[in-house]
N, C-alpha and C. Protein backbone atom coordinates (compact mmCIF):
# COMPACT_ATOMS: atom_id res chain seq x y z
N UNK A 1 -11.66 -19.02 -1.79
CA UNK A 1 -12.23 -17.81 -1.22
C UNK A 1 -11.82 -16.62 -2.07
N UNK A 2 -12.27 -15.46 -1.66
CA UNK A 2 -11.94 -14.23 -2.36
C UNK A 2 -13.16 -13.64 -3.01
N UNK A 3 -13.04 -12.41 -3.41
CA UNK A 3 -14.17 -11.77 -4.07
C UNK A 3 -13.86 -11.60 -5.54
N UNK A 4 -14.76 -10.99 -6.25
CA UNK A 4 -14.56 -10.83 -7.68
C UNK A 4 -14.63 -9.37 -8.10
N UNK A 5 -14.05 -8.48 -7.28
CA UNK A 5 -13.99 -7.08 -7.66
C UNK A 5 -13.27 -6.92 -8.98
N UNK A 6 -13.77 -6.06 -9.81
CA UNK A 6 -13.16 -5.76 -11.11
C UNK A 6 -13.04 -6.99 -12.00
N UNK A 7 -13.88 -8.00 -11.75
CA UNK A 7 -13.91 -9.17 -12.62
C UNK A 7 -12.76 -10.14 -12.42
N UNK A 8 -11.93 -9.94 -11.39
CA UNK A 8 -10.83 -10.87 -11.15
C UNK A 8 -10.99 -11.49 -9.78
N UNK A 9 -10.62 -12.73 -9.67
CA UNK A 9 -10.72 -13.43 -8.38
C UNK A 9 -9.51 -13.09 -7.54
N UNK A 10 -9.78 -12.76 -6.28
CA UNK A 10 -8.71 -12.35 -5.37
C UNK A 10 -8.57 -13.38 -4.26
N UNK A 11 -7.58 -14.23 -4.34
CA UNK A 11 -7.43 -15.29 -3.35
C UNK A 11 -6.84 -14.77 -2.04
N UNK A 12 -6.19 -13.62 -2.04
CA UNK A 12 -5.57 -13.10 -0.82
C UNK A 12 -6.61 -12.72 0.23
N UNK A 13 -7.87 -12.49 -0.16
CA UNK A 13 -8.89 -12.12 0.82
C UNK A 13 -9.13 -13.21 1.85
N UNK A 14 -8.80 -14.45 1.54
CA UNK A 14 -9.05 -15.54 2.47
C UNK A 14 -8.27 -15.37 3.76
N UNK A 15 -7.14 -14.68 3.74
CA UNK A 15 -6.34 -14.52 4.93
C UNK A 15 -6.66 -13.25 5.71
N UNK A 16 -7.54 -12.41 5.20
CA UNK A 16 -7.89 -11.18 5.90
C UNK A 16 -8.85 -11.47 7.03
N UNK A 17 -8.65 -10.80 8.16
CA UNK A 17 -9.52 -10.98 9.31
C UNK A 17 -10.90 -10.39 9.06
N UNK A 18 -10.96 -9.23 8.41
CA UNK A 18 -12.22 -8.56 8.12
C UNK A 18 -12.31 -8.32 6.62
N UNK A 19 -13.12 -9.10 5.94
CA UNK A 19 -13.28 -8.92 4.50
C UNK A 19 -14.00 -7.62 4.20
N UNK A 20 -13.82 -7.05 3.01
CA UNK A 20 -14.49 -5.80 2.66
C UNK A 20 -16.00 -6.01 2.49
N UNK A 21 -16.72 -5.89 3.58
CA UNK A 21 -18.17 -6.04 3.58
C UNK A 21 -18.73 -5.33 4.80
N UNK A 22 -20.02 -5.06 4.80
CA UNK A 22 -20.63 -4.41 5.95
C UNK A 22 -20.38 -5.25 7.19
N UNK A 23 -20.12 -4.68 8.35
CA UNK A 23 -20.17 -3.26 8.65
C UNK A 23 -18.85 -2.52 8.42
N UNK A 24 -17.81 -3.21 7.95
CA UNK A 24 -16.51 -2.57 7.71
C UNK A 24 -16.09 -2.74 6.25
N UNK A 25 -16.70 -2.02 5.32
CA UNK A 25 -16.34 -2.18 3.91
C UNK A 25 -15.02 -1.47 3.59
N UNK A 26 -13.91 -2.12 3.94
CA UNK A 26 -12.61 -1.53 3.71
C UNK A 26 -12.35 -1.37 2.22
N UNK A 27 -11.58 -0.35 1.86
CA UNK A 27 -11.29 -0.05 0.46
C UNK A 27 -9.80 -0.26 0.20
N UNK A 28 -9.50 -0.96 -0.89
CA UNK A 28 -8.13 -1.26 -1.30
C UNK A 28 -7.87 -0.64 -2.66
N UNK A 29 -6.61 -0.28 -2.92
CA UNK A 29 -6.28 0.27 -4.24
C UNK A 29 -5.94 -0.88 -5.19
N UNK A 30 -5.54 -0.52 -6.41
CA UNK A 30 -5.26 -1.52 -7.44
C UNK A 30 -4.09 -2.44 -7.09
N UNK A 31 -3.22 -1.99 -6.17
CA UNK A 31 -2.09 -2.83 -5.77
C UNK A 31 -2.35 -3.54 -4.45
N UNK A 32 -3.62 -3.56 -4.02
CA UNK A 32 -4.07 -4.28 -2.83
C UNK A 32 -3.60 -3.66 -1.53
N UNK A 33 -3.32 -2.36 -1.52
CA UNK A 33 -2.99 -1.67 -0.28
C UNK A 33 -4.28 -1.11 0.31
N UNK A 34 -4.43 -1.24 1.62
CA UNK A 34 -5.59 -0.69 2.30
C UNK A 34 -5.52 0.84 2.24
N UNK A 35 -6.56 1.48 1.73
CA UNK A 35 -6.58 2.94 1.66
C UNK A 35 -7.65 3.56 2.55
N UNK A 36 -8.68 2.79 2.92
CA UNK A 36 -9.73 3.35 3.75
C UNK A 36 -10.40 2.27 4.60
N UNK A 37 -10.44 2.52 5.89
CA UNK A 37 -11.25 1.75 6.81
C UNK A 37 -12.29 2.73 7.31
N UNK A 38 -13.48 2.73 6.70
CA UNK A 38 -14.49 3.75 6.99
C UNK A 38 -14.77 3.91 8.48
N UNK A 39 -14.78 5.17 8.91
CA UNK A 39 -15.04 5.49 10.30
C UNK A 39 -13.85 5.30 11.21
N UNK A 40 -12.73 4.81 10.67
CA UNK A 40 -11.57 4.54 11.51
C UNK A 40 -10.33 5.33 11.05
N UNK A 41 -9.81 4.97 9.87
CA UNK A 41 -8.54 5.54 9.42
C UNK A 41 -8.42 5.40 7.90
N UNK A 42 -7.64 6.30 7.29
CA UNK A 42 -7.29 6.16 5.88
C UNK A 42 -5.78 6.26 5.76
N UNK A 43 -5.25 5.75 4.65
CA UNK A 43 -3.82 5.67 4.47
C UNK A 43 -3.42 6.30 3.14
N UNK A 44 -2.27 6.98 3.13
CA UNK A 44 -1.70 7.52 1.90
C UNK A 44 -0.30 6.94 1.77
N UNK A 45 0.09 6.65 0.51
CA UNK A 45 1.34 5.97 0.25
C UNK A 45 2.25 6.80 -0.65
N UNK A 46 3.56 6.58 -0.51
CA UNK A 46 4.53 7.14 -1.44
C UNK A 46 4.39 6.41 -2.78
N UNK A 47 4.88 6.99 -3.88
CA UNK A 47 4.83 6.29 -5.17
C UNK A 47 5.51 4.93 -5.15
N UNK A 48 6.46 4.73 -4.24
CA UNK A 48 7.16 3.45 -4.12
C UNK A 48 6.30 2.39 -3.44
N UNK A 49 5.16 2.79 -2.87
CA UNK A 49 4.28 1.86 -2.17
C UNK A 49 4.44 1.90 -0.67
N UNK A 50 5.41 2.63 -0.16
CA UNK A 50 5.62 2.73 1.28
C UNK A 50 4.57 3.64 1.90
N UNK A 51 4.17 3.32 3.12
CA UNK A 51 3.18 4.12 3.82
C UNK A 51 3.73 5.51 4.11
N UNK A 52 2.95 6.53 3.78
CA UNK A 52 3.36 7.91 4.00
C UNK A 52 2.64 8.51 5.20
N UNK A 53 1.30 8.48 5.19
CA UNK A 53 0.53 9.08 6.27
C UNK A 53 -0.69 8.24 6.61
N UNK A 54 -1.12 8.40 7.87
CA UNK A 54 -2.37 7.83 8.31
C UNK A 54 -3.25 8.99 8.77
N UNK A 55 -4.52 8.93 8.39
CA UNK A 55 -5.48 9.97 8.74
C UNK A 55 -6.59 9.35 9.56
N UNK A 56 -7.07 10.05 10.60
CA UNK A 56 -8.21 9.51 11.34
C UNK A 56 -9.50 9.86 10.63
N UNK A 57 -10.62 9.38 11.16
CA UNK A 57 -11.92 9.58 10.50
C UNK A 57 -12.31 11.05 10.41
N UNK A 58 -11.77 11.89 11.29
CA UNK A 58 -12.07 13.32 11.28
C UNK A 58 -11.24 14.08 10.25
N UNK A 59 -10.31 13.38 9.58
CA UNK A 59 -9.49 14.02 8.56
C UNK A 59 -8.21 14.65 9.08
N UNK A 60 -7.79 14.26 10.28
CA UNK A 60 -6.56 14.77 10.88
C UNK A 60 -5.44 13.76 10.69
N UNK A 61 -4.27 14.25 10.28
CA UNK A 61 -3.12 13.36 10.12
C UNK A 61 -2.71 12.86 11.50
N UNK A 62 -2.55 11.54 11.61
CA UNK A 62 -2.06 10.97 12.86
C UNK A 62 -0.57 11.18 12.92
N UNK A 63 -0.09 11.66 14.03
CA UNK A 63 1.33 11.95 14.18
C UNK A 63 2.16 10.69 14.28
N UNK A 64 2.59 10.18 13.16
CA UNK A 64 3.46 9.01 13.14
C UNK A 64 4.57 9.27 12.13
N UNK A 65 5.74 8.77 12.43
CA UNK A 65 6.88 8.89 11.52
C UNK A 65 7.26 7.48 11.09
N UNK A 66 7.28 7.24 9.78
CA UNK A 66 7.63 5.93 9.23
C UNK A 66 9.01 6.01 8.61
N UNK A 67 9.89 5.09 8.99
CA UNK A 67 11.25 5.04 8.43
C UNK A 67 11.41 3.71 7.70
N UNK A 68 12.13 3.76 6.57
CA UNK A 68 12.28 2.59 5.71
C UNK A 68 13.74 2.27 5.46
N UNK A 69 14.00 1.00 5.12
CA UNK A 69 15.34 0.58 4.73
C UNK A 69 15.56 1.01 3.28
N UNK A 70 16.76 0.82 2.79
CA UNK A 70 17.06 1.12 1.39
C UNK A 70 16.25 0.29 0.41
N UNK A 71 15.75 -0.85 0.87
CA UNK A 71 14.93 -1.73 0.02
C UNK A 71 13.44 -1.40 0.16
N UNK A 72 13.11 -0.25 0.77
CA UNK A 72 11.73 0.21 0.96
C UNK A 72 10.92 -0.68 1.90
N UNK A 73 11.59 -1.35 2.83
CA UNK A 73 10.90 -2.14 3.84
C UNK A 73 10.74 -1.29 5.09
N UNK A 74 9.60 -1.41 5.75
CA UNK A 74 9.37 -0.64 6.97
C UNK A 74 10.38 -1.05 8.02
N UNK A 75 11.06 -0.07 8.60
CA UNK A 75 12.09 -0.33 9.58
C UNK A 75 11.67 0.14 10.97
N UNK A 76 11.03 1.34 11.03
CA UNK A 76 10.69 1.89 12.34
C UNK A 76 9.46 2.78 12.22
N UNK A 77 8.63 2.77 13.27
CA UNK A 77 7.49 3.67 13.37
C UNK A 77 7.59 4.40 14.70
N UNK A 78 7.55 5.73 14.64
CA UNK A 78 7.46 6.55 15.85
C UNK A 78 5.99 6.88 16.02
N UNK A 79 5.41 6.51 17.15
CA UNK A 79 3.98 6.69 17.39
C UNK A 79 3.73 8.07 17.98
N UNK A 80 3.99 9.07 17.20
CA UNK A 80 3.86 10.48 17.57
C UNK A 80 4.71 11.29 16.62
N UNK A 81 4.99 12.52 16.98
CA UNK A 81 5.78 13.35 16.08
C UNK A 81 7.14 13.73 16.65
N UNK A 82 7.53 13.12 17.78
CA UNK A 82 8.83 13.41 18.38
C UNK A 82 9.60 12.11 18.57
N UNK A 83 10.60 11.85 17.72
CA UNK A 83 11.36 10.60 17.82
C UNK A 83 12.14 10.44 19.12
N UNK A 84 12.35 11.53 19.83
CA UNK A 84 13.12 11.46 21.09
C UNK A 84 12.26 11.01 22.27
N UNK A 85 10.97 11.36 22.27
CA UNK A 85 10.14 11.09 23.45
C UNK A 85 8.96 10.17 23.20
N UNK A 86 8.51 10.01 21.97
CA UNK A 86 7.33 9.18 21.70
C UNK A 86 7.72 7.71 21.55
N UNK A 87 6.78 6.81 21.86
CA UNK A 87 7.06 5.37 21.72
C UNK A 87 7.44 5.00 20.29
N UNK A 88 8.32 4.02 20.17
CA UNK A 88 8.82 3.59 18.87
C UNK A 88 8.69 2.09 18.72
N UNK A 89 8.29 1.65 17.52
CA UNK A 89 8.30 0.23 17.17
C UNK A 89 9.36 0.02 16.11
N UNK A 90 10.26 -0.93 16.33
CA UNK A 90 11.31 -1.23 15.36
C UNK A 90 11.11 -2.64 14.82
N UNK A 91 11.16 -2.77 13.50
CA UNK A 91 11.02 -4.08 12.88
C UNK A 91 12.39 -4.73 12.81
N UNK A 92 12.44 -6.00 13.11
CA UNK A 92 13.74 -6.70 13.10
C UNK A 92 13.70 -7.83 12.10
C-alpha cells in the first residue's frame, strides 16, 4: 500500500485511517507530519519536530499547551490555556 507522492513509495500510509484523498485530502510535510486537515485543523511544529500549535479551520489558535520531556517526547497536553483549571492529558 501507500501512495507515490514526490516519486517515492510511502508504506506508512497503509496504517492511516484516512488516506490523503477526497473528501479529506490531508496534507503532510516532508517529514510525514500532518500539517493540514482541510476544514478541520492545521498544525505548526517547532524546529525539533514537536507540536507547537493547532489552528481551527477559521484560523484561530486552539488553546492547548503542549509539554515535552527532555527527549522531545510529548508528556502532557492541557486542553485549554489554563493549566490549573482546564482538562489535562498526561502520557505515561
